[in-house]
Amino acid sequence: MVDTEEVKQVAENARIKISDEEAEDFTEDFQEILGMFETLDQVDTEDVEPSFHPVETESKQREDQKEETLEKEDVFQNTENEEDGYFKGPSV
């Protein structure tokens, strides 16, 4: 499993400062998480086919529909920030 020194080393490699108490807490958390993986490893998956998605989903696509749009003049009528048919924003 994971020990406190490994947690401290990972934190140091990631340039994260953690206290001894935090290292202990993370060690317990990691051990719990790894225990969950061990539980999963015990599940018999011999007759289960691999799948990309655990739940079968169907892509629902809609038909393209033409919709009314605003005319260029209507779009720019409420702004002073228009130049050559484009909105003009602040310089970055």
PDB file of N, CA and C in Angstrom:
ATOM      1  N   MET A   1       0.844  -1.191   0.000  1.00  0.00           N
ATOM      2  CA  MET A   1       0.000   0.000   0.000  1.00  0.00           C
ATOM      3  C   MET A   1       0.886   1.251   0.000  1.00  0.00           C
ATOM      4  N   VAL A   2       0.311   2.351   0.399  1.00  0.00           N
ATOM      5  CA  VAL A   2       1.000   3.639   0.389  1.00  0.00           C
ATOM      6  C   VAL A   2       1.391   3.998   1.816  1.00  0.00           C
ATOM      7  N   ASP A   3       2.612   4.508   1.981  1.00  0.00           N
ATOM      8  CA  ASP A   3       2.988   4.982   3.316  1.00  0.00           C
ATOM      9  C   ASP A   3       3.200   6.496   3.295  1.00  0.00           C
ATOM     10  N   THR A   4       3.339   7.062   4.466  1.00  0.00           N
ATOM     11  CA  THR A   4       3.438   8.515   4.618  1.00  0.00           C
ATOM     12  C   THR A   4       4.634   9.085   3.872  1.00  0.00           C
ATOM     13  N   GLU A   5       5.735   8.367   3.859  1.00  0.00           N
ATOM     14  CA  GLU A   5       6.929   8.857   3.171  1.00  0.00           C
ATOM     15  C   GLU A   5       6.691   8.973   1.665  1.00  0.00           C
ATOM     16  N   GLU A   6       5.956   8.025   1.100  1.00  0.00           N
ATOM     17  CA  GLU A   6       5.633   8.112  -0.330  1.00  0.00           C
ATOM     18  C   GLU A   6       4.758   9.325  -0.615  1.00  0.00           C
ATOM     19  N   VAL A   7       3.803   9.583   0.263  1.00  0.00           N
ATOM     20  CA  VAL A   7       2.928  10.747   0.095  1.00  0.00           C
ATOM     21  C   VAL A   7       3.749  12.027   0.165  1.00  0.00           C
ATOM     22  N   LYS A   8       4.666  12.099   1.113  1.00  0.00           N
ATOM     23  CA  LYS A   8       5.521  13.284   1.240  1.00  0.00           C
ATOM     24  C   LYS A   8       6.393  13.458  -0.003  1.00  0.00           C
ATOM     25  N   GLN A   9       6.900  12.350  -0.547  1.00  0.00           N
ATOM     26  CA  GLN A   9       7.747  12.415  -1.739  1.00  0.00           C
ATOM     27  C   GLN A   9       6.948  12.906  -2.945  1.00  0.00           C
ATOM     28  N   VAL A  10       5.732  12.408  -3.098  1.00  0.00           N
ATOM     29  CA  VAL A  10       4.877  12.853  -4.204  1.00  0.00           C
ATOM     30  C   VAL A  10       4.573  14.338  -4.053  1.00  0.00           C
ATOM     31  N   ALA A  11       4.274  14.771  -2.846  1.00  0.00           N
ATOM     32  CA  ALA A  11       3.994  16.188  -2.603  1.00  0.00           C
ATOM     33  C   ALA A  11       5.217  17.034  -2.935  1.00  0.00           C
ATOM     34  N   GLU A  12       6.383  16.565  -2.546  1.00  0.00           N
ATOM     35  CA  GLU A  12       7.614  17.300  -2.838  1.00  0.00           C
ATOM     36  C   GLU A  12       7.852  17.369  -4.352  1.00  0.00           C
ATOM     37  N   ASN A  13       7.644  16.249  -5.047  1.00  0.00           N
ATOM     38  CA  ASN A  13       7.815  16.235  -6.504  1.00  0.00           C
ATOM     39  C   ASN A  13       6.849  17.192  -7.191  1.00  0.00           C
ATOM     40  N   ALA A  14       5.642  17.324  -6.619  1.00  0.00           N
ATOM     41  CA  ALA A  14       4.635  18.223  -7.182  1.00  0.00           C
ATOM     42  C   ALA A  14       4.811  19.648  -6.666  1.00  0.00           C
ATOM     43  N   ARG A  15       5.828  19.837  -5.841  1.00  0.00           N
ATOM     44  CA  ARG A  15       6.118  21.146  -5.241  1.00  0.00           C
ATOM     45  C   ARG A  15       4.935  21.678  -4.440  1.00  0.00           C
ATOM     46  N   ILE A  16       4.347  20.757  -3.663  1.00  0.00           N
ATOM     47  CA  ILE A  16       3.238  21.100  -2.778  1.00  0.00           C
ATOM     48  C   ILE A  16       3.719  20.908  -1.347  1.00  0.00           C
ATOM     49  N   LYS A  17       3.527  21.920  -0.535  1.00  0.00           N
ATOM     50  CA  LYS A  17       3.915  21.809   0.870  1.00  0.00           C
ATOM     51  C   LYS A  17       2.744  21.246   1.665  1.00  0.00           C
ATOM     52  N   ILE A  18       2.990  20.137   2.356  1.00  0.00           N
ATOM     53  CA  ILE A  18       1.969  19.567   3.226  1.00  0.00           C
ATOM     54  C   ILE A  18       2.585  19.296   4.584  1.00  0.00           C
ATOM     55  N   SER A  19       1.755  19.389   5.602  1.00  0.00           N
ATOM     56  CA  SER A  19       2.221  19.125   6.964  1.00  0.00           C
ATOM     57  C   SER A  19       2.238  17.616   7.198  1.00  0.00           C
ATOM     58  N   ASP A  20       2.850  17.208   8.315  1.00  0.00           N
ATOM     59  CA  ASP A  20       2.875  15.790   8.666  1.00  0.00           C
ATOM     60  C   ASP A  20       1.449  15.264   8.859  1.00  0.00           C
ATOM     61  N   GLU A  21       0.596  16.100   9.448  1.00  0.00           N
ATOM     62  CA  GLU A  21      -0.799  15.704   9.676  1.00  0.00           C
ATOM     63  C   GLU A  21      -1.528  15.505   8.342  1.00  0.00           C
ATOM     64  N   GLU A  22      -1.291  16.412   7.400  1.00  0.00           N
ATOM     65  CA  GLU A  22      -1.903  16.272   6.078  1.00  0.00           C
ATOM     66  C   GLU A  22      -1.388  15.027   5.367  1.00  0.00           C
ATOM     67  N   ALA A  23      -0.100  14.737   5.521  1.00  0.00           N
ATOM     68  CA  ALA A  23       0.476  13.540   4.904  1.00  0.00           C
ATOM     69  C   ALA A  23      -0.193  12.285   5.464  1.00  0.00           C
ATOM     70  N   GLU A  24      -0.439  12.271   6.763  1.00  0.00           N
ATOM     71  CA  GLU A  24      -1.128  11.137   7.386  1.00  0.00           C
ATOM     72  C   GLU A  24      -2.545  10.999   6.828  1.00  0.00           C
ATOM     73  N   ASP A  25      -3.252  12.137   6.722  1.00  0.00           N
ATOM     74  CA  ASP A  25      -4.622  12.115   6.195  1.00  0.00           C
ATOM     75  C   ASP A  25      -4.643  11.602   4.760  1.00  0.00           C
ATOM     76  N   PHE A  26      -3.713  12.102   3.934  1.00  0.00           N
ATOM     77  CA  PHE A  26      -3.651  11.654   2.542  1.00  0.00           C
ATOM     78  C   PHE A  26      -3.303  10.171   2.453  1.00  0.00           C
ATOM     79  N   THR A  27      -2.433   9.712   3.325  1.00  0.00           N
ATOM     80  CA  THR A  27      -2.057   8.300   3.338  1.00  0.00           C
ATOM     81  C   THR A  27      -3.284   7.435   3.592  1.00  0.00           C
ATOM     82  N   GLU A  28      -4.084   7.828   4.586  1.00  0.00           N
ATOM     83  CA  GLU A  28      -5.310   7.082   4.884  1.00  0.00           C
ATOM     84  C   GLU A  28      -6.262   7.109   3.688  1.00  0.00           C
ATOM     85  N   ASP A  29      -6.403   8.285   3.071  1.00  0.00           N
ATOM     86  CA  ASP A  29      -7.289   8.410   1.906  1.00  0.00           C
ATOM     87  C   ASP A  29      -6.823   7.516   0.760  1.00  0.00           C
ATOM     88  N   PHE A  30      -5.522   7.543   0.473  1.00  0.00           N
ATOM     89  CA  PHE A  30      -4.986   6.726  -0.615  1.00  0.00           C
ATOM     90  C   PHE A  30      -5.167   5.238  -0.331  1.00  0.00           C
ATOM     91  N   GLN A  31      -4.953   4.836   0.911  1.00  0.00           N
ATOM     92  CA  GLN A  31      -5.124   3.428   1.259  1.00  0.00           C
ATOM     93  C   GLN A  31      -6.578   2.997   1.075  1.00  0.00           C
ATOM     94  N   GLU A  32      -7.511   3.889   1.425  1.00  0.00           N
ATOM     95  CA  GLU A  32      -8.931   3.583   1.232  1.00  0.00           C
ATOM     96  C   GLU A  32      -9.258   3.452  -0.260  1.00  0.00           C
ATOM     97  N   ILE A  33      -8.740   4.369  -1.052  1.00  0.00           N
ATOM     98  CA  ILE A  33      -8.990   4.335  -2.498  1.00  0.00           C
ATOM     99  C   ILE A  33      -8.394   3.074  -3.121  1.00  0.00           C
ATOM    100  N   LEU A  34      -7.157   2.753  -2.758  1.00  0.00           N
ATOM    101  CA  LEU A  34      -6.523   1.551  -3.300  1.00  0.00           C
ATOM    102  C   LEU A  34      -7.269   0.299  -2.859  1.00  0.00           C
ATOM    103  N   GLY A  35      -7.826   0.325  -1.649  1.00  0.00           N
ATOM    104  CA  GLY A  35      -8.641  -0.795  -1.179  1.00  0.00           C
ATOM    105  C   GLY A  35      -9.866  -0.992  -2.055  1.00  0.00           C
ATOM    106  N   MET A  36     -10.437   0.106  -2.513  1.00  0.00           N
ATOM    107  CA  MET A  36     -11.594   0.021  -3.417  1.00  0.00           C
ATOM    108  C   MET A  36     -11.196  -0.638  -4.733  1.00  0.00           C
ATOM    109  N   PHE A  37     -10.006  -0.318  -5.228  1.00  0.00           N
ATOM    110  CA  PHE A  37      -9.539  -0.950  -6.460  1.00  0.00           C
ATOM    111  C   PHE A  37      -9.307  -2.442  -6.252  1.00  0.00           C
ATOM    112  N   GLU A  38      -8.819  -2.813  -5.086  1.00  0.00           N
ATOM    113  CA  GLU A  38      -8.625  -4.236  -4.798  1.00  0.00           C
ATOM    114  C   GLU A  38      -9.966  -4.960  -4.802  1.00  0.00           C
ATOM    115  N   THR A  39     -10.998  -4.297  -4.273  1.00  0.00           N
ATOM    116  CA  THR A  39     -12.340  -4.876  -4.295  1.00  0.00           C
ATOM    117  C   THR A  39     -12.797  -5.079  -5.734  1.00  0.00           C
ATOM    118  N   LEU A  40     -12.563  -4.086  -6.578  1.00  0.00           N
ATOM    119  CA  LEU A  40     -12.940  -4.210  -7.992  1.00  0.00           C
ATOM    120  C   LEU A  40     -12.167  -5.333  -8.677  1.00  0.00           C
ATOM    121  N   ASP A  41     -10.904  -5.511  -8.304  1.00  0.00           N
ATOM    122  CA  ASP A  41     -10.092  -6.568  -8.910  1.00  0.00           C
ATOM    123  C   ASP A  41     -10.650  -7.956  -8.604  1.00  0.00           C
ATOM    124  N   GLN A  42     -11.410  -8.090  -7.516  1.00  0.00           N
ATOM    125  CA  GLN A  42     -11.952  -9.387  -7.117  1.00  0.00           C
ATOM    126  C   GLN A  42     -13.228  -9.748  -7.877  1.00  0.00           C
ATOM    127  N   VAL A  43     -13.793  -8.794  -8.601  1.00  0.00           N
ATOM    128  CA  VAL A  43     -15.026  -9.055  -9.348  1.00  0.00           C
ATOM    129  C   VAL A  43     -14.707  -9.943 -10.548  1.00  0.00           C
ATOM    130  N   ASP A  44     -15.523 -10.986 -10.725  1.00  0.00           N
ATOM    131  CA  ASP A  44     -15.329 -11.909 -11.841  1.00  0.00           C
ATOM    132  C   ASP A  44     -15.867 -11.273 -13.117  1.00  0.00           C
ATOM    133  N   THR A  45     -14.972 -10.960 -14.037  1.00  0.00           N
ATOM    134  CA  THR A  45     -15.364 -10.348 -15.312  1.00  0.00           C
ATOM    135  C   THR A  45     -15.023 -11.268 -16.487  1.00  0.00           C
ATOM    136  N   GLU A  46     -14.885 -12.541 -16.195  1.00  0.00           N
ATOM    137  CA  GLU A  46     -14.468 -13.517 -17.204  1.00  0.00           C
ATOM    138  C   GLU A  46     -15.393 -13.522 -18.422  1.00  0.00           C
ATOM    139  N   ASP A  47     -16.704 -13.511 -18.203  1.00  0.00           N
ATOM    140  CA  ASP A  47     -17.655 -13.607 -19.309  1.00  0.00           C
ATOM    141  C   ASP A  47     -18.250 -12.260 -19.702  1.00  0.00           C
ATOM    142  N   VAL A  48     -17.616 -11.182 -19.310  1.00  0.00           N
ATOM    143  CA  VAL A  48     -18.126  -9.845 -19.615  1.00  0.00           C
ATOM    144  C   VAL A  48     -17.298  -9.252 -20.745  1.00  0.00           C
ATOM    145  N   GLU A  49     -17.998  -8.841 -21.806  1.00  0.00           N
ATOM    146  CA  GLU A  49     -17.286  -8.236 -22.926  1.00  0.00           C
ATOM    147  C   GLU A  49     -16.887  -6.807 -22.573  1.00  0.00           C
ATOM    148  N   PRO A  50     -15.691  -6.398 -22.975  1.00  0.00           N
ATOM    149  CA  PRO A  50     -15.278  -5.014 -22.721  1.00  0.00           C
ATOM    150  C   PRO A  50     -16.194  -4.045 -23.461  1.00  0.00           C
ATOM    151  N   SER A  51     -16.406  -2.895 -22.865  1.00  0.00           N
ATOM    152  CA  SER A  51     -17.231  -1.883 -23.524  1.00  0.00           C
ATOM    153  C   SER A  51     -16.616  -0.513 -23.313  1.00  0.00           C
ATOM    154  N   PHE A  52     -16.875   0.350 -24.284  1.00  0.00           N
ATOM    155  CA  PHE A  52     -16.356   1.708 -24.185  1.00  0.00           C
ATOM    156  C   PHE A  52     -17.217   2.530 -23.243  1.00  0.00           C
ATOM    157  N   HIS A  53     -18.532   2.341 -23.326  1.00  0.00           N
ATOM    158  CA  HIS A  53     -19.471   3.042 -22.456  1.00  0.00           C
ATOM    159  C   HIS A  53     -20.180   2.007 -21.584  1.00  0.00           C
ATOM    160  N   PRO A  54     -20.218   2.223 -20.288  1.00  0.00           N
ATOM    161  CA  PRO A  54     -20.895   1.255 -19.426  1.00  0.00           C
ATOM    162  C   PRO A  54     -22.413   1.246 -19.643  1.00  0.00           C
ATOM    163  N   VAL A  55     -22.951   2.358 -20.144  1.00  0.00           N
ATOM    164  CA  VAL A  55     -24.385   2.454 -20.394  1.00  0.00           C
ATOM    165  C   VAL A  55     -24.579   2.713 -21.886  1.00  0.00           C
ATOM    166  N   GLU A  56     -25.410   1.903 -22.506  1.00  0.00           N
ATOM    167  CA  GLU A  56     -25.669   2.094 -23.928  1.00  0.00           C
ATOM    168  C   GLU A  56     -26.430   3.397 -24.136  1.00  0.00           C
ATOM    169  N   THR A  57     -25.917   4.236 -24.995  1.00  0.00           N
ATOM    170  CA  THR A  57     -26.591   5.490 -25.302  1.00  0.00           C
ATOM    171  C   THR A  57     -26.770   5.594 -26.808  1.00  0.00           C
ATOM    172  N   GLU A  58     -27.771   6.336 -27.190  1.00  0.00           N
ATOM    173  CA  GLU A  58     -28.027   6.538 -28.604  1.00  0.00           C
ATOM    174  C   GLU A  58     -27.954   8.028 -28.884  1.00  0.00           C
ATOM    175  N   SER A  59     -27.218   8.386 -29.894  1.00  0.00           N
ATOM    176  CA  SER A  59     -27.081   9.790 -30.252  1.00  0.00           C
ATOM    177  C   SER A  59     -28.380  10.265 -30.883  1.00  0.00           C
ATOM    178  N   LYS A  60     -28.946  11.295 -30.286  1.00  0.00           N
ATOM    179  CA  LYS A  60     -30.192  11.840 -30.813  1.00  0.00           C
ATOM    180  C   LYS A  60     -29.870  13.136 -31.541  1.00  0.00           C
ATOM    181  N   GLN A  61     -29.944  13.084 -32.842  1.00  0.00           N
ATOM    182  CA  GLN A  61     -29.653  14.264 -33.642  1.00  0.00           C
ATOM    183  C   GLN A  61     -30.953  14.839 -34.167  1.00  0.00           C
ATOM    184  N   ARG A  62     -30.990  16.125 -34.279  1.00  0.00           N
ATOM    185  CA  ARG A  62     -32.179  16.788 -34.795  1.00  0.00           C
ATOM    186  C   ARG A  62     -31.932  17.202 -36.239  1.00  0.00           C
ATOM    187  N   GLU A  63     -32.990  17.396 -36.941  1.00  0.00           N
ATOM    188  CA  GLU A  63     -32.904  17.881 -38.307  1.00  0.00           C
ATOM    189  C   GLU A  63     -32.494  19.350 -38.288  1.00  0.00           C
ATOM    190  N   ASP A  64     -31.656  19.737 -39.221  1.00  0.00           N
ATOM    191  CA  ASP A  64     -31.313  21.149 -39.355  1.00  0.00           C
ATOM    192  C   ASP A  64     -32.542  21.900 -39.835  1.00  0.00           C
ATOM    193  N   GLN A  65     -32.780  23.025 -39.193  1.00  0.00           N
ATOM    194  CA  GLN A  65     -33.925  23.834 -39.585  1.00  0.00           C
ATOM    195  C   GLN A  65     -33.468  25.260 -39.812  1.00  0.00           C
ATOM    196  N   LYS A  66     -33.944  25.831 -40.885  1.00  0.00           N
ATOM    197  CA  LYS A  66     -33.608  27.212 -41.186  1.00  0.00           C
ATOM    198  C   LYS A  66     -34.435  28.108 -40.268  1.00  0.00           C
ATOM    199  N   GLU A  67     -33.774  29.043 -39.619  1.00  0.00           N
ATOM    200  CA  GLU A  67     -34.462  29.964 -38.728  1.00  0.00           C
ATOM    201  C   GLU A  67     -34.207  31.390 -39.180  1.00  0.00           C
ATOM    202  N   GLU A  68     -35.107  32.269 -38.799  1.00  0.00           N
ATOM    203  CA  GLU A  68     -34.951  33.677 -39.128  1.00  0.00           C
ATOM    204  C   GLU A  68     -33.772  34.252 -38.342  1.00  0.00           C
ATOM    205  N   THR A  69     -32.986  35.070 -38.991  1.00  0.00           N
ATOM    206  CA  THR A  69     -31.873  35.740 -38.323  1.00  0.00           C
ATOM    207  C   THR A  69     -32.018  37.241 -38.509  1.00  0.00           C
ATOM    208  N   LEU A  70     -31.274  37.981 -37.731  1.00  0.00           N
ATOM    209  CA  LEU A  70     -31.311  39.436 -37.830  1.00  0.00           C
ATOM    210  C   LEU A  70     -30.487  39.906 -39.018  1.00  0.00           C
ATOM    211  N   GLU A  71     -30.918  40.987 -39.588  1.00  0.00           N
ATOM    212  CA  GLU A  71     -30.138  41.626 -40.637  1.00  0.00           C
ATOM    213  C   GLU A  71     -28.954  42.332 -39.987  1.00  0.00           C
ATOM    214  N   LYS A  72     -27.882  42.473 -40.727  1.00  0.00           N
ATOM    215  CA  LYS A  72     -26.665  43.097 -40.221  1.00  0.00           C
ATOM    216  C   LYS A  72     -26.943  44.489 -39.654  1.00  0.00           C
ATOM    217  N   GLU A  73     -27.766  45.254 -40.325  1.00  0.00           N
ATOM    218  CA  GLU A  73     -28.076  46.616 -39.865  1.00  0.00           C
ATOM    219  C   GLU A  73     -28.780  46.579 -38.509  1.00  0.00           C
ATOM    220  N   ASP A  74     -29.677  45.612 -38.327  1.00  0.00           N
ATOM    221  CA  ASP A  74     -30.398  45.487 -37.058  1.00  0.00           C
ATOM    222  C   ASP A  74     -29.460  45.091 -35.926  1.00  0.00           C
ATOM    223  N   VAL A  75     -28.494  44.260 -36.225  1.00  0.00           N
ATOM    224  CA  VAL A  75     -27.544  43.811 -35.204  1.00  0.00           C
ATOM    225  C   VAL A  75     -26.721  44.982 -34.685  1.00  0.00           C
ATOM    226  N   PHE A  76     -26.282  45.853 -35.573  1.00  0.00           N
ATOM    227  CA  PHE A  76     -25.380  46.937 -35.180  1.00  0.00           C
ATOM    228  C   PHE A  76     -26.100  48.234 -34.806  1.00  0.00           C
ATOM    229  N   GLN A  77     -27.422  48.267 -34.837  1.00  0.00           N
ATOM    230  CA  GLN A  77     -28.122  49.524 -34.596  1.00  0.00           C
ATOM    231  C   GLN A  77     -27.980  50.030 -33.165  1.00  0.00           C
ATOM    232  N   ASN A  78     -27.704  49.164 -32.197  1.00  0.00           N
ATOM    233  CA  ASN A  78     -27.615  49.589 -30.800  1.00  0.00           C
ATOM    234  C   ASN A  78     -26.186  49.681 -30.285  1.00  0.00           C
ATOM    235  N   THR A  79     -25.207  49.731 -31.158  1.00  0.00           N
ATOM    236  CA  THR A  79     -23.823  49.826 -30.705  1.00  0.00           C
ATOM    237  C   THR A  79     -23.087  50.912 -31.470  1.00  0.00           C
ATOM    238  N   GLU A  80     -22.147  51.487 -30.778  1.00  0.00           N
ATOM    239  CA  GLU A  80     -21.244  52.440 -31.431  1.00  0.00           C
ATOM    240  C   GLU A  80     -19.925  51.751 -31.768  1.00  0.00           C
ATOM    241  N   ASN A  81     -19.786  50.523 -31.300  1.00  0.00           N
ATOM    242  CA  ASN A  81     -18.531  49.791 -31.447  1.00  0.00           C
ATOM    243  C   ASN A  81     -18.582  48.854 -32.650  1.00  0.00           C
ATOM    244  N   GLU A  82     -18.757  49.412 -33.821  1.00  0.00           N
ATOM    245  CA  GLU A  82     -18.810  48.636 -35.050  1.00  0.00           C
ATOM    246  C   GLU A  82     -17.821  49.229 -36.036  1.00  0.00           C
ATOM    247  N   GLU A  83     -17.098  48.336 -36.684  1.00  0.00           N
ATOM    248  CA  GLU A  83     -16.143  48.800 -37.683  1.00  0.00           C
ATOM    249  C   GLU A  83     -16.084  47.771 -38.802  1.00  0.00           C
ATOM    250  N   ASP A  84     -16.336  48.201 -40.010  1.00  0.00           N
ATOM    251  CA  ASP A  84     -16.271  47.344 -41.202  1.00  0.00           C
ATOM    252  C   ASP A  84     -17.154  46.097 -41.079  1.00  0.00           C
ATOM    253  N   GLY A  85     -18.308  46.242 -40.444  1.00  0.00           N
ATOM    254  CA  GLY A  85     -19.230  45.118 -40.340  1.00  0.00           C
ATOM    255  C   GLY A  85     -18.922  44.144 -39.225  1.00  0.00           C
ATOM    256  N   TYR A  86     -18.047  44.515 -38.281  1.00  0.00           N
ATOM    257  CA  TYR A  86     -17.695  43.671 -37.146  1.00  0.00           C
ATOM    258  C   TYR A  86     -17.843  44.472 -35.865  1.00  0.00           C
ATOM    259  N   PHE A  87     -18.089  43.776 -34.743  1.00  0.00           N
ATOM    260  CA  PHE A  87     -18.062  44.448 -33.454  1.00  0.00           C
ATOM    261  C   PHE A  87     -16.621  44.780 -33.127  1.00  0.00           C
ATOM    262  N   LYS A  88     -16.400  45.968 -32.596  1.00  0.00           N
ATOM    263  CA  LYS A  88     -15.054  46.397 -32.232  1.00  0.00           C
ATOM    264  C   LYS A  88     -14.943  46.327 -30.715  1.00  0.00           C
ATOM    265  N   GLY A  89     -13.944  45.593 -30.246  1.00  0.00           N
ATOM    266  CA  GLY A  89     -13.718  45.445 -28.814  1.00  0.00           C
ATOM    267  C   GLY A  89     -12.474  46.187 -28.393  1.00  0.00           C
ATOM    268  N   PRO A  90     -12.235  46.227 -27.085  1.00  0.00           N
ATOM    269  CA  PRO A  90     -11.051  46.922 -26.590  1.00  0.00           C
ATOM    270  C   PRO A  90      -9.769  46.193 -27.002  1.00  0.00           C
ATOM    271  N   SER A  91      -8.715  46.955 -27.157  1.00  0.00           N
ATOM    272  CA  SER A  91      -7.417  46.358 -27.480  1.00  0.00           C
ATOM    273  C   SER A  91      -6.912  45.574 -26.283  1.00  0.00           C
ATOM    274  N   VAL A  92      -6.253  44.494 -26.573  1.00  0.00           N
ATOM    275  CA  VAL A  92      -5.727  43.650 -25.495  1.00  0.00           C
ATOM    276  C   VAL A  92      -4.233  43.776 -25.454  1.00  0.00           C
TER     277      VAL A  92
END
